[in-house]
Protein backbone atom coordinates (compact mmCIF):
# COMPACT_ATOMS: atom_id res chain seq x y z
CA MET A 1 140.59 104.87 56.47
CA ARG A 2 139.47 107.89 54.46
CA PRO A 3 136.06 109.39 55.30
CA ALA A 4 134.91 108.61 51.76
CA ALA A 5 135.31 104.93 52.54
CA TYR A 6 132.29 105.04 54.81
CA LEU A 7 128.77 104.39 53.65
CA VAL A 8 125.88 105.16 55.96
CA ILE A 9 122.92 102.98 55.30
CA CYS A 10 119.50 103.59 56.81
CA ILE A 11 117.22 100.63 56.34
CA ALA A 12 113.63 100.02 57.26
CA PHE A 13 114.42 96.82 59.06
CA PHE A 14 113.85 95.23 62.44
CA LEU A 15 114.80 98.07 64.79
CA SER A 16 112.88 100.92 66.33
CA GLY A 17 114.79 104.14 66.83
CA ALA A 18 116.19 107.03 64.85
CA CYS A 19 119.28 107.27 62.68
CA GLY A 20 122.44 107.92 64.65
CA VAL A 21 126.14 107.51 63.99
CA ALA A 22 128.57 106.31 66.61
CA ASP A 23 132.11 107.58 67.11
CA LYS A 24 134.30 106.66 64.08
CA SER A 25 136.93 104.77 66.07
CA THR A 26 134.23 102.85 67.93
CA GLN A 27 132.59 101.92 64.61
CA ASP A 28 135.91 100.69 63.23
CA SER A 29 136.36 98.40 66.20
CA GLN A 30 132.80 97.09 66.09
CA LEU A 31 132.91 96.43 62.37
CA GLU A 32 136.27 94.69 62.65
CA ASN A 33 134.91 92.36 65.33
CA GLN A 34 131.60 91.66 63.59
CA PHE A 35 132.70 91.12 60.01
CA ASN A 36 136.15 89.52 60.35
CA CYS A 37 135.59 86.74 62.86
CA GLY A 38 136.76 83.91 60.57
CA THR A 39 135.48 80.49 61.68
CA GLN A 40 135.59 79.42 65.30
CA PHE A 41 133.94 76.91 67.60
CA ILE A 42 132.65 78.29 70.90
CA LYS A 43 132.61 75.24 73.16
CA GLU A 44 130.66 76.82 76.04
CA THR A 45 127.58 77.34 73.84
CA SER A 46 128.19 74.61 71.24
CA THR A 47 128.24 77.35 68.61
CA ILE A 48 130.18 77.82 65.41
CA ARG A 49 130.66 81.46 64.46
CA HIS A 50 131.51 82.08 60.82
CA CYS A 51 132.13 85.31 58.91
CA GLY A 52 132.73 84.86 55.22
CA LEU A 53 131.79 82.81 52.19
CA ILE A 54 129.55 79.76 52.27
CA ASP A 55 131.56 76.91 50.82
CA TYR A 56 132.38 73.24 51.33
CA LYS A 57 134.94 74.15 54.00
CA LEU A 58 132.23 75.57 56.27
CA LEU A 59 130.11 72.44 55.89
CA GLN A 60 133.12 70.24 56.65
CA TYR A 61 133.87 72.35 59.73
CA LEU A 62 130.32 71.68 60.98
CA LYS A 63 130.68 67.98 60.36
CA ASN A 64 133.93 67.90 62.33
CA GLU A 65 132.35 69.71 65.30
CA LYS A 66 129.61 67.19 65.96
CA ASP A 67 128.40 68.91 69.16
CA THR A 68 127.38 72.05 67.26
CA ARG A 69 123.86 73.25 68.09
CA THR A 70 124.04 76.78 66.63
CA LEU A 71 125.63 78.40 63.57
CA LEU A 72 126.16 82.15 64.04
CA LEU A 73 126.60 83.53 60.54
CA THR A 74 127.63 86.69 58.70
CA SER A 75 128.07 86.04 54.98
CA GLU A 76 128.18 87.80 51.62
CA GLY A 77 127.00 84.59 49.95
CA GLY A 78 128.85 81.77 48.26
CA GLN A 79 128.43 78.69 46.15
CA ILE A 80 124.85 77.70 45.30
CA LEU A 81 125.28 73.96 45.79
CA ASP A 82 127.27 74.43 48.99
CA ALA A 83 124.52 76.66 50.42
CA ILE A 84 121.87 74.09 49.55
CA SER A 85 123.94 71.30 51.14
CA LEU A 86 124.51 73.40 54.25
CA SER A 87 120.79 74.13 54.63
CA LYS A 88 119.96 70.42 54.39
CA TYR A 89 122.66 69.56 56.94
CA LEU A 90 121.35 72.16 59.42
CA ASP A 91 117.85 70.73 59.09
CA GLU A 92 118.97 67.12 59.40
CA TYR A 93 120.82 67.77 62.67
CA LYS A 94 118.41 70.44 63.93
CA ILE A 95 121.10 73.12 64.16
CA ARG A 96 119.78 76.65 64.59
CA LEU A 97 121.03 79.28 62.16
CA ILE A 98 121.40 82.79 63.60
CA ILE A 99 122.10 85.69 61.24
CA GLU A 100 124.06 88.28 63.20
CA GLY A 101 125.49 90.68 60.61
CA TYR A 102 124.55 90.54 56.98
CA CYS A 103 123.28 87.66 54.87
CA LEU A 104 123.45 88.24 51.13
CA SER A 105 123.00 86.34 47.88
CA ALA A 106 123.08 82.54 48.41
CA CYS A 107 122.98 83.06 52.18
CA ALA A 108 119.57 84.72 51.94
CA THR A 109 118.19 82.77 48.97
CA PHE A 110 118.90 79.30 50.32
CA LEU A 111 119.80 79.40 54.02
CA VAL A 112 117.20 81.91 55.21
CA ALA A 113 114.54 80.74 52.77
CA GLY A 114 114.92 77.00 53.18
CA THR A 115 116.29 76.24 56.65
CA ASP A 116 113.86 75.23 59.41
CA LEU A 117 115.47 76.87 62.46
CA VAL A 118 116.45 80.45 61.61
CA THR A 119 116.75 83.51 63.84
CA ILE A 120 117.41 86.95 62.35
CA GLN A 121 119.02 89.30 64.86
CA SER A 122 117.62 92.80 65.02
CA ASN A 123 120.73 94.47 63.58
CA SER A 124 121.00 92.18 60.56
CA ILE A 125 120.72 92.91 56.84
CA LEU A 126 119.26 90.43 54.37
CA GLY A 127 119.96 91.01 50.68
CA PHE A 128 118.33 89.04 47.85
CA HIS A 129 119.24 89.33 44.17
CA HIS A 130 119.22 87.21 41.01
CA SER A 131 119.33 83.42 41.00
CA THR A 132 121.13 81.31 38.42
CA THR A 133 117.67 80.32 37.18
CA SER A 134 116.78 83.93 36.38
CA LEU A 135 120.18 84.57 34.78
CA ALA A 136 119.78 81.49 32.59
CA MET A 137 116.48 82.86 31.33
CA ARG A 138 118.33 85.93 30.02
CA GLY A 139 120.95 83.83 28.30
CA THR A 140 118.26 81.70 26.66
CA GLN A 141 116.66 84.60 24.86
CA ASN A 142 119.57 86.82 23.87
CA GLY A 143 121.97 84.20 22.54
CA LEU A 144 124.67 84.64 25.19
CA LEU A 145 124.48 80.95 26.01
CA ASN A 146 124.82 78.20 23.44
CA GLU A 147 122.88 74.95 23.63
CA GLY A 148 125.65 73.07 25.43
CA GLN A 149 126.09 75.81 28.04
CA LEU A 150 122.34 76.00 28.64
CA LYS A 151 122.16 72.24 29.17
CA ARG A 152 125.05 72.27 31.60
CA ILE A 153 123.73 75.25 33.56
CA HIS A 154 120.27 73.71 33.78
CA GLU A 155 121.58 70.36 35.03
CA GLU A 156 124.19 71.71 37.46
CA PHE A 157 122.47 74.80 38.87
CA VAL A 158 118.92 75.51 37.70
CA GLN A 159 117.46 72.10 38.49
CA PRO A 160 119.04 71.96 42.00
CA GLU A 161 117.66 75.45 42.74
CA ILE A 162 114.16 74.51 41.60
CA SER A 163 114.24 71.15 43.41
CA PHE A 164 115.39 72.79 46.66
CA PHE A 165 112.52 75.29 46.57
CA GLU A 166 109.98 72.60 45.75
CA GLU A 167 111.25 70.35 48.55
CA ASN A 168 110.80 73.24 51.00
CA ASN A 169 107.33 74.19 49.69
CA ILE A 170 108.58 77.58 48.48
CA SER A 171 107.10 79.08 45.34
CA THR A 172 109.66 78.99 42.54
CA ALA A 173 108.57 82.55 41.77
CA TRP A 174 111.08 83.46 44.52
CA LEU A 175 113.84 82.51 42.09
CA PHE A 176 112.73 85.47 39.95
CA GLU A 177 111.06 88.02 42.24
CA PRO A 178 114.25 89.40 43.89
CA ASP A 179 115.77 89.85 40.44
CA LEU A 180 112.74 91.83 39.27
CA ARG A 181 112.67 93.89 42.46
CA THR A 182 116.21 95.17 41.81
CA LYS A 183 114.89 96.73 38.58
CA PRO A 184 117.33 95.38 35.94
CA SER A 185 117.54 97.59 32.86
CA CYS A 186 119.89 95.90 30.38
CA VAL A 187 122.20 92.91 29.88
CA LYS A 188 125.89 93.18 29.06
CA ARG A 189 127.19 91.20 26.10
CA ASN A 190 129.76 89.21 28.02
CA LEU A 191 129.46 85.78 29.64
CA ARG A 192 131.94 84.74 32.29
CA PHE A 193 132.31 82.01 34.87
CA SER A 194 133.23 82.47 38.52
CA ASP A 195 134.22 79.21 40.22
CA GLU A 196 132.29 77.32 37.53
CA VAL A 197 129.15 79.41 38.13
CA PRO A 198 127.91 81.27 35.02
CA ILE A 199 127.70 85.04 35.37
CA ILE A 200 125.76 87.27 32.98
CA ASP A 201 126.50 90.86 33.95
CA TYR A 202 123.69 93.40 33.86
CA ARG A 203 122.74 96.84 35.08
CA ALA A 204 120.07 97.35 37.72
CA ARG A 205 118.81 100.17 39.90
CA HIS A 206 119.49 98.22 43.11
CA ARG A 207 122.27 95.83 44.08
CA PHE A 208 120.05 93.83 46.43
CA TRP A 209 116.40 93.67 47.40
CA VAL A 210 115.69 93.89 51.14
CA PRO A 211 112.20 92.49 51.82
CA SER A 212 109.96 93.72 54.61
CA ILE A 213 109.28 91.53 57.63
CA PRO A 214 105.80 90.45 56.42
CA THR A 215 107.35 89.39 53.10
CA LEU A 216 110.06 87.42 54.89
CA LYS A 217 107.45 85.64 56.97
CA LYS A 218 105.66 84.58 53.79
CA LEU A 219 108.93 83.22 52.46
CA ASN A 220 109.72 81.22 55.61
CA PRO A 221 106.91 81.18 58.21
CA THR A 222 109.22 79.59 60.82
CA LEU A 223 111.61 82.57 60.91
CA ILE A 224 112.22 84.13 64.32
CA LEU A 225 112.73 87.87 63.91
CA GLU A 226 114.24 89.60 66.92
CA GLY A 227 112.99 93.07 67.75
CA ASN A 228 109.51 94.47 67.41
CA ALA A 229 108.07 93.48 64.05
CA GLN A 230 105.42 96.18 64.41
CA THR A 231 108.07 98.91 64.12
CA HIS A 232 109.88 97.62 61.06
CA ASP A 233 109.41 100.96 59.29
CA ALA A 234 111.82 102.59 61.74
CA VAL A 235 115.46 102.85 60.67
CA GLN A 236 118.95 101.93 61.83
CA THR A 237 122.16 103.60 60.72
CA ILE A 238 125.14 101.40 59.93
CA ALA A 239 128.56 102.62 58.81
CA ASN A 240 128.97 99.60 56.55
CA THR A 241 132.64 99.95 55.71
CA HIS A 242 133.20 96.27 55.06
CA LEU A 243 130.54 95.97 52.38
CA LEU A 244 131.62 99.18 50.69
CA LEU A 245 135.23 98.05 50.43
CA LYS A 246 134.11 94.80 48.83
CA GLY A 247 132.08 96.68 46.23
CA GLN A 248 128.84 95.45 47.75
CA ALA A 249 127.24 98.81 48.53
CA LEU A 250 123.55 98.25 49.20
CA LEU A 251 120.71 100.34 47.88
CA TYR A 252 117.15 100.19 49.15
CA GLY A 253 113.79 101.71 48.48
CA ASN A 254 111.90 99.10 46.47
CA PRO A 255 108.20 99.68 47.22
CA GLU A 256 106.66 96.79 49.12
CA ASN A 257 103.16 97.78 48.07
CA LEU A 258 103.80 96.77 44.47
CA GLU A 259 102.15 93.43 43.78
CA PHE A 260 104.41 90.80 42.26
CA ASN A 261 102.96 89.45 39.02
CA PRO A 262 104.46 86.10 37.93
CA ASP A 263 103.82 87.14 34.33
CA ASP A 264 106.50 89.80 34.80
CA ILE A 265 109.09 87.02 34.87
CA ASN A 266 109.07 87.12 31.08
CA LEU A 267 110.52 90.63 31.27
CA LEU A 268 113.83 89.12 32.41
CA SER A 269 114.23 87.43 29.04
CA GLN A 270 113.40 90.61 27.12
CA LEU A 271 116.06 92.96 28.51
CA PRO A 272 117.98 94.89 25.83
CA PHE A 273 121.75 94.82 25.56
CA CYS A 274 123.55 97.59 27.41
CA SER A 275 124.96 100.24 25.12
């Protein structure tokens, strides 16, 4: 692996201590173990450990392992409806979700936000970004989506997102706030679909928004956050090779002291086209 393939990320998250970088070969081994575990059932602790996408296969795996009491998860996200179904299944069978590596996109938006029993390990990264609801707002105003596409997207994705948040007593403003926090600047003129999910590409200052601990607790008051929450301004250094190779390099620095104004949601529908 070339040195340029390493990205050192210091985040104000969960851990006390100063930035420090471990030996390169040791980091390679640790990252390989943490981020490429696949899916496995650990019988001694009734735990399923999963590294990868959230999809119907993961939910089916849980259903097949009926003795599961814990889901140990590292995920870059996945399908919206599969994440919602997984969250409901975890709640129904009182299975604890433990985030051990990183939890991005649908993993953060639906599993961390809406699941009852969630523990965030002290070395974990949570990354929130746009929802389909916020993307649909852009397509409504700039003509990227026709009437038929808007109807389909609303029925298949937007309404399930809104219903899930309402059922879990979460403000639907959370479907827009992460998008605004990444500071989008313009919308690209293309519309594409990835596994039937509509994608409207755009430019933004940040790839993901990483909320502070107090903000996370407002999102889901039942969250258990390992480590000392009083020292969340301290930093941890991670040579995050896996994310970099997948094009998921994370950027931080969004000020937490900026008040979120729901009226700003309208800004998402007023973004100019990228030149």
